[in-house]
N, C-alpha and C. Protein backbone atom coordinates (compact mmCIF):
# COMPACT_ATOMS: atom_id res chain seq x y z
N MET A 1 13.59 -12.23 5.39
CA MET A 1 13.83 -11.80 6.75
C MET A 1 13.20 -12.78 7.76
N ASN A 2 12.45 -13.76 7.27
CA ASN A 2 11.84 -14.77 8.13
C ASN A 2 10.99 -14.17 9.24
N GLN A 3 10.15 -13.20 8.89
CA GLN A 3 9.27 -12.58 9.87
C GLN A 3 7.83 -12.67 9.39
N THR A 4 6.94 -12.73 10.35
CA THR A 4 5.51 -12.73 10.05
C THR A 4 4.88 -11.55 10.76
N VAL A 5 4.02 -10.84 10.04
CA VAL A 5 3.26 -9.74 10.63
C VAL A 5 1.79 -10.08 10.48
N MET A 6 1.06 -10.03 11.57
CA MET A 6 -0.37 -10.30 11.52
C MET A 6 -1.11 -8.99 11.79
N MET A 7 -1.96 -8.61 10.86
CA MET A 7 -2.76 -7.41 10.99
C MET A 7 -4.22 -7.82 11.01
N ILE A 8 -4.95 -7.32 11.97
CA ILE A 8 -6.38 -7.60 12.06
C ILE A 8 -7.10 -6.31 11.72
N THR A 9 -8.01 -6.38 10.73
CA THR A 9 -8.68 -5.17 10.28
C THR A 9 -10.07 -5.49 9.76
N HIS A 10 -10.91 -4.49 9.79
CA HIS A 10 -12.22 -4.56 9.15
C HIS A 10 -12.20 -3.76 7.85
N ASN A 11 -11.03 -3.21 7.50
CA ASN A 11 -10.88 -2.36 6.33
C ASN A 11 -10.39 -3.19 5.15
N PRO A 12 -11.24 -3.43 4.14
CA PRO A 12 -10.81 -4.25 3.00
C PRO A 12 -9.66 -3.63 2.21
N GLU A 13 -9.56 -2.31 2.19
CA GLU A 13 -8.45 -1.66 1.48
C GLU A 13 -7.12 -1.97 2.16
N ALA A 14 -7.10 -1.99 3.48
CA ALA A 14 -5.89 -2.33 4.22
C ALA A 14 -5.53 -3.80 3.99
N ALA A 15 -6.52 -4.66 3.89
CA ALA A 15 -6.27 -6.09 3.70
C ALA A 15 -5.69 -6.39 2.32
N GLN A 16 -5.90 -5.51 1.36
CA GLN A 16 -5.42 -5.76 -0.01
C GLN A 16 -3.91 -5.81 -0.11
N ILE A 17 -3.19 -5.23 0.85
CA ILE A 17 -1.72 -5.27 0.75
C ILE A 17 -1.14 -6.58 1.27
N ALA A 18 -1.98 -7.41 1.88
CA ALA A 18 -1.49 -8.67 2.45
C ALA A 18 -1.27 -9.72 1.38
N ASP A 19 -0.36 -10.64 1.63
CA ASP A 19 -0.17 -11.75 0.70
C ASP A 19 -1.05 -12.94 1.07
N ARG A 20 -1.76 -12.84 2.19
CA ARG A 20 -2.73 -13.86 2.59
C ARG A 20 -3.77 -13.20 3.48
N VAL A 21 -5.05 -13.46 3.19
CA VAL A 21 -6.13 -12.91 4.01
C VAL A 21 -6.98 -14.07 4.50
N ILE A 22 -7.11 -14.17 5.81
CA ILE A 22 -7.93 -15.20 6.42
C ILE A 22 -9.18 -14.52 6.97
N THR A 23 -10.34 -14.91 6.46
CA THR A 23 -11.60 -14.31 6.89
C THR A 23 -12.22 -15.17 7.98
N VAL A 24 -12.53 -14.53 9.10
CA VAL A 24 -13.12 -15.23 10.25
C VAL A 24 -14.49 -14.63 10.50
N ARG A 25 -15.50 -15.47 10.63
CA ARG A 25 -16.86 -15.02 10.92
C ARG A 25 -17.40 -15.86 12.08
N ASP A 26 -17.84 -15.18 13.11
CA ASP A 26 -18.38 -15.85 14.31
C ASP A 26 -17.38 -16.85 14.88
N GLY A 27 -16.09 -16.49 14.85
CA GLY A 27 -15.06 -17.32 15.45
C GLY A 27 -14.60 -18.49 14.60
N GLU A 28 -15.07 -18.60 13.37
CA GLU A 28 -14.67 -19.71 12.50
C GLU A 28 -14.07 -19.17 11.20
N VAL A 29 -13.03 -19.85 10.72
CA VAL A 29 -12.41 -19.48 9.45
C VAL A 29 -13.39 -19.83 8.33
N VAL A 30 -13.75 -18.83 7.53
CA VAL A 30 -14.69 -19.07 6.43
C VAL A 30 -14.03 -18.95 5.06
N ALA A 31 -12.83 -18.34 4.99
CA ALA A 31 -12.14 -18.21 3.71
C ALA A 31 -10.67 -17.92 3.93
N ILE A 32 -9.85 -18.42 3.02
CA ILE A 32 -8.43 -18.10 3.00
C ILE A 32 -8.10 -17.66 1.57
N ASP A 33 -7.70 -16.41 1.44
CA ASP A 33 -7.36 -15.84 0.13
C ASP A 33 -5.85 -15.66 0.08
N LEU A 34 -5.21 -16.25 -0.91
CA LEU A 34 -3.75 -16.16 -1.02
C LEU A 34 -3.31 -14.81 -1.54
N GLY A 35 -4.20 -14.02 -2.10
CA GLY A 35 -3.90 -12.64 -2.47
C GLY A 35 -2.72 -12.48 -3.39
N ARG A 36 -2.04 -11.34 -3.27
CA ARG A 36 -0.88 -11.04 -4.12
C ARG A 36 0.37 -11.65 -3.52
N SER A 37 1.32 -11.91 -4.37
CA SER A 37 2.59 -12.42 -3.87
C SER A 37 3.40 -11.30 -3.24
N SER A 38 4.32 -11.65 -2.38
CA SER A 38 5.15 -10.63 -1.75
C SER A 38 5.99 -9.90 -2.78
N MET A 39 6.34 -10.53 -3.88
CA MET A 39 7.12 -9.85 -4.92
C MET A 39 6.27 -8.78 -5.60
N ASP A 40 4.97 -9.02 -5.81
CA ASP A 40 4.08 -8.00 -6.37
C ASP A 40 4.04 -6.78 -5.45
N ILE A 41 3.98 -7.02 -4.16
CA ILE A 41 3.92 -5.93 -3.21
C ILE A 41 5.21 -5.11 -3.26
N VAL A 42 6.35 -5.79 -3.30
CA VAL A 42 7.64 -5.09 -3.35
C VAL A 42 7.74 -4.28 -4.63
N HIS A 43 7.39 -4.86 -5.78
CA HIS A 43 7.51 -4.14 -7.05
C HIS A 43 6.57 -2.95 -7.13
N ASN A 44 5.38 -3.05 -6.55
CA ASN A 44 4.42 -1.97 -6.62
C ASN A 44 4.71 -0.87 -5.57
N ALA A 45 5.64 -1.10 -4.68
CA ALA A 45 5.97 -0.11 -3.67
C ALA A 45 6.86 1.01 -4.23
N TYR A 46 7.45 0.77 -5.40
CA TYR A 46 8.39 1.76 -5.95
C TYR A 46 7.79 2.52 -7.09
């Protein structure tokens, strides 16, 4: 669908559904986690 959704959260459980998590601390990127693939998310939704 060529869309991007950006969610900002302090909830690690909510972040687990993302296919990429960028951690920012004091205004600087400190980590980029590629997480699960979008196909894993689709398959686990059913």
